[in-house]
Structure formats: C-alpha cells, structure tokens
Amino acid sequence: MLADEATFTVEDLEPLIGSRITTDAETLLSGRYATEIRELLEARSVLVFPKVSLDDDQQIAFTQTLGTMAYENNGTRDADGNLQTIFKVSIDPKVNPIGAYFTTSFFWHLDGSMHDVPILASILGERFLPPEGAATEWCNTYAAYEALSDDDKAMLEGLRAVHANWALQRYVDPEPSYERFSAARNVPSRSHPIVWTHKSGRKSLVIGSTAAYVEGLDTPESMDLLVRLRDWATSPQFVYHHQWEPGDLVMWDNTGTLHRAIPYSVESGRLMHRTILQGEEPIA
C-alpha cells in the first residue's frame, strides 16, 4: 500500500500485523498524515517509522498530532518534580528509578491492564542500542480472537479474568518475601472481560502476564485457559518481531496487542524513550 506522496510510503510487514512507514521528521511533525496514521494503527496494530530519529521534543510534538498525550502513571516524576511526558524505558536503576521492576516487560502484556481505561497507544523511540542489538515483539489480539473457533468464542462469552500486580511479580520473583508480596497485593487489581468488545465492534483478547485467574474457574482450569489463550495469541501468524536500528520509532495500538521486550542485561545500556496517548474507551 502506498500513500499518494513519495514522502510517506506504507508497506505491510506481516500479513496480520505491522506496517513500515517511510517518511521524515518534518512530515510527521506537520500532522498532515495524522488521520491516516490513526487509521493505519487501527488496521495494522504496529507502525514502524525506520530511522526517523526524533528527539524528545519532536517525539512529544508528534504524539500530540495524533490525540491527547497522557502523562506517565507510574509513581515517578521528572527531576524537576513535574509529571513525566517522556518515560525512560530501561531496567537500569541508575537511569530509571523503577528500572528493576521493568524486567516484567520481558513477558507478554498490555499496558494499563489494571485500569478501567488503558492507554490507547505507545510511541517508543530508540535512544541507545547495545552492540548485540535489541528487539521487541508484538502480537495482534484482534486477529487472534477472530481466528478462534466458534466453540471457543462461545465459551469465552461472559468470562472475566482478574488482572493483578502480584500475578505479574511472580514472573520475576517466584518466591517473594511476604513483605514484597503484600506490597504487590496492595496495588488494586481489576476484573476485565477476557473478550473486549470495542466501540468499533471489533473484539480482542485481554490476557497476558497480569492475568491472575479466571473468575468462576478452579485454579487448574483457570491457568489452562489463560495459558492456552496466550500461547494461541502469540503464535507466529499473529506476531511481529522488530529488530531495532538507530533512529527507529515504533507505535502500537495498546488496546489490541500484547508486547514484550526480548530480554537484555542491565549492563547492556539499552534505552528507549516512550510517549503515550490517552485511552479513549474502557475495557468492556
């Protein structure tokens, strides 16, 4: 698929997820293609802007052309005390005060699953790549739902899962101290339908590493269903794997995808800067 002008060309990356948009910073900041970008985001879930090399101010300005930019809601503020518009995605506590927590990003998740209204989209800009490189993966939970059997779709109707911080923490600390477990449990959990019926009429799966259990099922049945759905949604036909290059910018629909960072070490120096778009509809 090609846009009309050579300054903005679009190419699909995988059949069911991901498009590459070749353009430049000036074109993005003009807002001229904001409507088309929003439409492509809905249709393709992940948009890659290769080597566009936006700085922080430009990334903020680009985000603002697409909708209402949200502040980070992670309990930390900038050095000047202001709410964060740019979040430093790093697991190094010297770079990010809550960096140690972000090893949880190595597991499939959607951001804001413990909120009624999760963010609409994230925009991630490359700032430093380790010599061995860096990669991130996304899966299309719209397509994964659509490809389920009719029996599975009928079975999932009305089922709800509880998403909880303590469930997420099990991935990085399987035997926490009681103090650490209690702190994680004090973060409010949220019950969501496993199938999100969006205002558009499309349906997606609300699953991932924050899903603690399915309401009304015993523990083995609950885990069986959650693991089976996650395994299905992250199978190759629904996944886009991005190998980062200097200057890359990637945007994704947080409401219809799961994502994960391919694990890296604290010493690697890997650094991304993130801006986010405010959510526009509750999970329902």
Protein backbone atom coordinates (compact mmCIF):
# COMPACT_ATOMS: atom_id res chain seq x y z
CA MET A 1 0.00 0.00 0.00
CA LEU A 2 1.38 3.42 -0.92
CA ALA A 3 0.30 6.89 0.09
CA ASP A 4 -0.03 9.49 -2.66
CA GLU A 5 3.24 11.26 -1.97
CA ALA A 6 6.76 9.85 -2.01
CA THR A 7 7.40 11.45 1.40
CA PHE A 8 5.05 8.97 3.06
CA THR A 9 5.04 5.37 1.86
CA VAL A 10 3.47 2.37 3.61
CA GLU A 11 4.44 -1.28 3.34
CA ASP A 12 2.95 -4.19 5.30
CA LEU A 13 5.47 -6.16 7.36
CA GLU A 14 3.48 -9.31 8.19
CA PRO A 15 0.11 -10.46 6.80
CA LEU A 16 -1.77 -9.83 10.05
CA ILE A 17 0.31 -7.24 11.90
CA GLY A 18 2.72 -4.39 11.32
CA SER A 19 3.36 -1.75 8.67
CA ARG A 20 6.51 0.19 7.83
CA ILE A 21 6.04 3.90 7.15
CA THR A 22 8.94 5.51 5.32
CA THR A 23 8.91 9.23 5.91
CA ASP A 24 10.88 12.02 7.57
CA ALA A 25 10.63 14.04 10.76
CA GLU A 26 9.28 17.15 9.05
CA THR A 27 6.40 15.21 7.51
CA LEU A 28 5.48 13.55 10.80
CA LEU A 29 5.60 16.81 12.74
CA SER A 30 3.40 18.58 10.20
CA GLY A 31 0.42 16.44 11.25
CA ARG A 32 -0.53 16.11 7.58
CA TYR A 33 -0.88 12.35 7.85
CA ALA A 34 -2.25 12.18 11.39
CA THR A 35 -5.65 10.83 10.30
CA GLU A 36 -4.04 8.23 8.04
CA ILE A 37 -1.66 7.16 10.82
CA ARG A 38 -4.58 6.68 13.21
CA GLU A 39 -6.43 4.59 10.61
CA LEU A 40 -3.33 2.51 9.90
CA LEU A 41 -2.81 1.97 13.64
CA GLU A 42 -6.33 0.57 13.97
CA ALA A 43 -5.90 -1.65 10.92
CA ARG A 44 -2.31 -2.84 11.37
CA SER A 45 -1.70 -2.62 15.18
CA VAL A 46 2.03 -1.78 14.94
CA LEU A 47 3.60 1.03 12.88
CA VAL A 48 7.36 1.25 12.32
CA PHE A 49 8.98 4.55 11.31
CA PRO A 50 12.52 3.45 10.44
CA LYS A 51 15.46 5.75 11.21
CA VAL A 52 13.28 8.85 11.58
CA SER A 53 15.45 9.99 14.54
CA LEU A 54 13.07 12.20 16.54
CA ASP A 55 14.47 13.89 19.65
CA ASP A 56 12.36 14.15 22.81
CA ASP A 57 10.69 17.44 21.91
CA GLN A 58 9.89 16.16 18.42
CA GLN A 59 8.52 12.89 19.78
CA ILE A 60 6.23 14.80 22.12
CA ALA A 61 5.08 17.07 19.28
CA PHE A 62 4.43 14.09 17.00
CA THR A 63 2.43 12.34 19.74
CA GLN A 64 0.29 15.45 20.16
CA THR A 65 -0.66 15.41 16.47
CA LEU A 66 -2.37 12.03 17.00
CA GLY A 67 -4.56 12.60 20.05
CA THR A 68 -4.38 13.59 23.71
CA MET A 69 -0.98 12.82 25.14
CA ALA A 70 -1.07 11.23 28.58
CA TYR A 71 1.37 11.62 31.42
CA GLU A 72 3.09 8.53 32.74
CA ASN A 73 1.22 6.97 35.66
CA ASN A 74 3.98 5.04 37.38
CA GLY A 75 4.54 6.92 40.62
CA THR A 76 7.70 8.70 39.47
CA ARG A 77 8.26 12.28 38.33
CA ASP A 78 10.92 14.14 36.42
CA ALA A 79 13.87 15.65 38.28
CA ASP A 80 12.03 18.99 38.38
CA GLY A 81 9.02 17.35 40.05
CA ASN A 82 6.77 17.57 37.01
CA LEU A 83 4.70 14.68 35.67
CA GLN A 84 6.56 12.66 33.07
CA THR A 85 5.86 13.17 29.39
CA ILE A 86 8.90 11.10 28.43
CA PHE A 87 9.47 7.78 30.17
CA LYS A 88 12.94 6.23 30.02
CA VAL A 89 12.44 2.55 29.26
CA SER A 90 15.42 0.93 30.91
CA ILE A 91 15.91 -1.76 33.54
CA ASP A 92 18.96 0.09 34.92
CA PRO A 93 18.05 1.77 38.24
CA LYS A 94 20.73 4.41 37.59
CA VAL A 95 18.71 5.51 34.54
CA ASN A 96 15.19 4.70 35.70
CA PRO A 97 14.40 4.70 39.46
CA ILE A 98 11.92 1.84 38.97
CA GLY A 99 14.06 0.08 36.39
CA ALA A 100 14.36 -3.16 38.35
CA TYR A 101 10.59 -3.54 38.15
CA PHE A 102 10.70 -3.40 34.35
CA THR A 103 12.14 -6.86 33.90
CA THR A 104 8.41 -7.67 33.87
CA SER A 105 8.42 -6.17 30.35
CA PHE A 106 10.12 -9.40 29.18
CA PHE A 107 6.73 -11.14 29.35
CA TRP A 108 3.67 -10.67 27.14
CA HIS A 109 1.45 -7.89 28.47
CA LEU A 110 -0.69 -4.89 27.64
CA ASP A 111 -0.02 -1.63 29.46
CA GLY A 112 -2.61 -0.44 31.96
CA SER A 113 -4.44 -3.74 32.35
CA MET A 114 -5.18 -2.80 35.96
CA HIS A 115 -7.04 0.35 34.87
CA ASP A 116 -10.59 0.70 33.56
CA VAL A 117 -9.29 2.70 30.58
CA PRO A 118 -5.84 1.62 29.42
CA ILE A 119 -3.75 3.90 27.24
CA LEU A 120 -4.64 3.95 23.57
CA ALA A 121 -1.14 3.73 22.17
CA SER A 122 2.56 3.88 22.99
CA ILE A 123 5.27 5.50 20.89
CA LEU A 124 8.78 4.22 21.51
CA GLY A 125 11.89 5.95 20.21
CA GLU A 126 15.35 4.38 20.14
CA ARG A 127 17.99 6.22 22.18
CA PHE A 128 20.77 3.65 22.73
CA LEU A 129 21.26 0.16 21.34
CA PRO A 130 23.74 -2.31 22.81
CA PRO A 131 26.33 -3.79 20.43
CA GLU A 132 24.41 -7.08 20.37
CA GLY A 133 21.25 -5.26 19.30
CA ALA A 134 17.75 -5.15 20.76
CA ALA A 135 14.36 -6.50 19.80
CA THR A 136 10.69 -6.15 20.76
CA GLU A 137 7.72 -8.31 19.78
CA TRP A 138 4.00 -7.59 19.44
CA CYS A 139 1.02 -9.86 18.80
CA ASN A 140 -2.35 -8.89 17.33
CA THR A 141 -5.08 -9.84 19.80
CA TYR A 142 -7.81 -8.74 17.37
CA ALA A 143 -6.63 -11.25 14.79
CA ALA A 144 -6.07 -13.91 17.45
CA TYR A 145 -9.68 -13.57 18.62
CA GLU A 146 -11.06 -13.56 15.08
CA ALA A 147 -9.23 -16.80 14.27
CA LEU A 148 -10.63 -18.70 17.26
CA SER A 149 -13.15 -21.43 16.61
CA ASP A 150 -16.83 -20.68 17.03
CA ASP A 151 -16.88 -23.03 20.02
CA ASP A 152 -14.08 -21.12 21.72
CA LYS A 153 -15.76 -17.78 21.03
CA ALA A 154 -18.99 -19.06 22.57
CA MET A 155 -17.13 -20.47 25.58
CA LEU A 156 -15.38 -17.14 26.25
CA GLU A 157 -18.56 -15.06 26.24
CA GLY A 158 -19.12 -13.65 29.72
CA LEU A 159 -15.83 -14.93 31.18
CA ARG A 160 -13.77 -12.45 33.17
CA ALA A 161 -10.18 -12.50 34.38
CA VAL A 162 -8.68 -10.63 37.32
CA HIS A 163 -5.52 -8.68 36.46
CA ALA A 164 -3.21 -8.07 39.40
CA ASN A 165 0.24 -6.71 40.14
CA TRP A 166 1.03 -9.69 42.38
CA ALA A 167 0.45 -12.03 39.43
CA LEU A 168 2.88 -10.03 37.30
CA GLN A 169 5.52 -10.07 40.02
CA ARG A 170 5.53 -13.88 40.08
CA TYR A 171 7.26 -13.82 36.70
CA VAL A 172 10.37 -12.15 38.12
CA ASP A 173 10.22 -13.24 41.76
CA PRO A 174 8.56 -16.67 42.11
CA GLU A 175 9.36 -16.84 45.85
CA PRO A 176 8.88 -13.28 47.12
CA SER A 177 9.19 -12.31 50.75
CA TYR A 178 5.85 -11.83 52.42
CA GLU A 179 6.60 -8.09 52.64
CA ARG A 180 7.18 -7.86 48.89
CA PHE A 181 4.12 -9.97 48.08
CA SER A 182 1.96 -7.82 50.38
CA ALA A 183 3.20 -4.64 48.68
CA ALA A 184 2.31 -6.08 45.28
CA ARG A 185 -1.09 -7.21 46.51
CA ASN A 186 -1.85 -3.72 47.81
CA VAL A 187 -1.86 -2.44 44.23
CA PRO A 188 -5.54 -2.51 43.19
CA SER A 189 -6.47 -5.41 40.92
CA ARG A 190 -9.06 -5.19 38.15
CA SER A 191 -11.62 -7.60 36.70
CA HIS A 192 -11.97 -7.43 32.93
CA PRO A 193 -13.85 -9.46 30.33
CA ILE A 194 -11.46 -11.80 28.52
CA VAL A 195 -13.04 -10.61 25.27
CA TRP A 196 -13.05 -6.82 24.85
CA THR A 197 -15.88 -5.65 22.59
CA HIS A 198 -14.65 -2.31 21.29
CA LYS A 199 -16.80 0.64 20.25
CA SER A 200 -15.82 -0.17 16.68
CA GLY A 201 -17.50 -3.58 17.05
CA ARG A 202 -14.18 -5.45 16.79
CA LYS A 203 -13.20 -7.85 19.55
CA SER A 204 -9.81 -8.54 21.09
CA LEU A 205 -8.40 -10.75 23.84
CA VAL A 206 -7.48 -9.19 27.21
CA ILE A 207 -4.87 -11.62 28.55
CA GLY A 208 -1.14 -11.66 29.31
CA SER A 209 1.16 -11.75 32.30
CA THR A 210 -1.06 -9.62 34.56
CA ALA A 211 -3.97 -12.08 34.28
CA ALA A 212 -4.05 -13.83 37.67
CA TYR A 213 -7.09 -16.07 37.31
CA VAL A 214 -10.43 -16.51 35.57
CA GLU A 215 -13.40 -15.81 37.79
CA GLY A 216 -15.57 -18.86 38.50
CA LEU A 217 -12.98 -21.46 37.44
CA ASP A 218 -10.82 -23.55 39.73
CA THR A 219 -7.08 -22.93 39.61
CA PRO A 220 -6.06 -25.66 37.11
CA GLU A 221 -8.93 -24.81 34.73
CA SER A 222 -8.18 -21.10 35.03
CA MET A 223 -4.49 -21.50 34.27
CA ASP A 224 -5.21 -23.96 31.48
CA LEU A 225 -7.41 -21.39 29.72
CA LEU A 226 -5.11 -18.41 30.27
CA VAL A 227 -2.00 -20.28 29.10
CA ARG A 228 -3.81 -21.72 26.08
CA LEU A 229 -5.09 -18.30 25.01
CA ARG A 230 -1.71 -16.65 25.50
CA ASP A 231 0.00 -19.44 23.57
CA TRP A 232 -2.53 -19.05 20.75
CA ALA A 233 -2.39 -15.25 20.60
CA THR A 234 1.42 -15.25 20.49
CA SER A 235 1.77 -17.93 17.83
CA PRO A 236 3.84 -16.83 14.80
CA GLN A 237 0.99 -15.83 12.46
CA PHE A 238 -0.08 -13.07 14.88
CA VAL A 239 3.40 -11.77 15.83
CA TYR A 240 5.68 -9.03 14.53
CA HIS A 241 9.33 -9.15 15.66
CA HIS A 242 11.20 -5.84 15.43
CA GLN A 243 14.97 -5.70 15.43
CA TRP A 244 15.79 -2.14 16.42
CA GLU A 245 18.04 0.10 14.32
CA PRO A 246 19.39 3.56 15.23
CA GLY A 247 16.72 6.26 14.94
CA ASP A 248 13.74 3.86 14.79
CA LEU A 249 10.36 4.94 16.15
CA VAL A 250 7.63 2.34 16.74
CA MET A 251 3.99 2.97 17.62
CA TRP A 252 1.44 0.37 18.63
CA ASP A 253 -2.23 0.02 19.47
CA ASN A 254 -2.12 -0.91 23.14
CA THR A 255 -5.81 -1.88 23.12
CA GLY A 256 -5.45 -4.65 20.54
CA THR A 257 -1.98 -6.05 21.11
CA LEU A 258 0.30 -7.65 23.65
CA HIS A 259 4.01 -6.85 23.60
CA ARG A 260 7.29 -7.88 25.21
CA ALA A 261 10.94 -6.87 25.12
CA ILE A 262 13.38 -9.62 24.22
CA PRO A 263 15.43 -9.99 27.45
CA TYR A 264 18.58 -7.93 27.83
CA SER A 265 21.04 -7.28 30.66
CA VAL A 266 21.27 -4.26 32.93
CA GLU A 267 24.81 -3.70 31.67
CA SER A 268 23.71 -3.50 28.03
CA GLY A 269 22.72 0.17 28.26
CA ARG A 270 19.59 -0.41 26.13
CA LEU A 271 17.46 2.73 26.31
CA MET A 272 14.17 3.74 24.70
CA HIS A 273 12.07 6.85 25.31
CA ARG A 274 8.29 6.44 25.43
CA THR A 275 5.35 8.77 24.98
CA ILE A 276 1.74 7.61 25.29
CA LEU A 277 -1.72 8.54 24.04
CA GLN A 278 -4.57 8.80 26.50
CA GLY A 279 -7.09 5.96 26.44
CA GLU A 280 -10.40 6.63 24.72
CA GLU A 281 -12.61 3.74 25.85
CA PRO A 282 -12.92 1.39 28.83
CA ILE A 283 -12.42 -2.35 28.57
CA ALA A 284 -15.93 -3.71 28.16
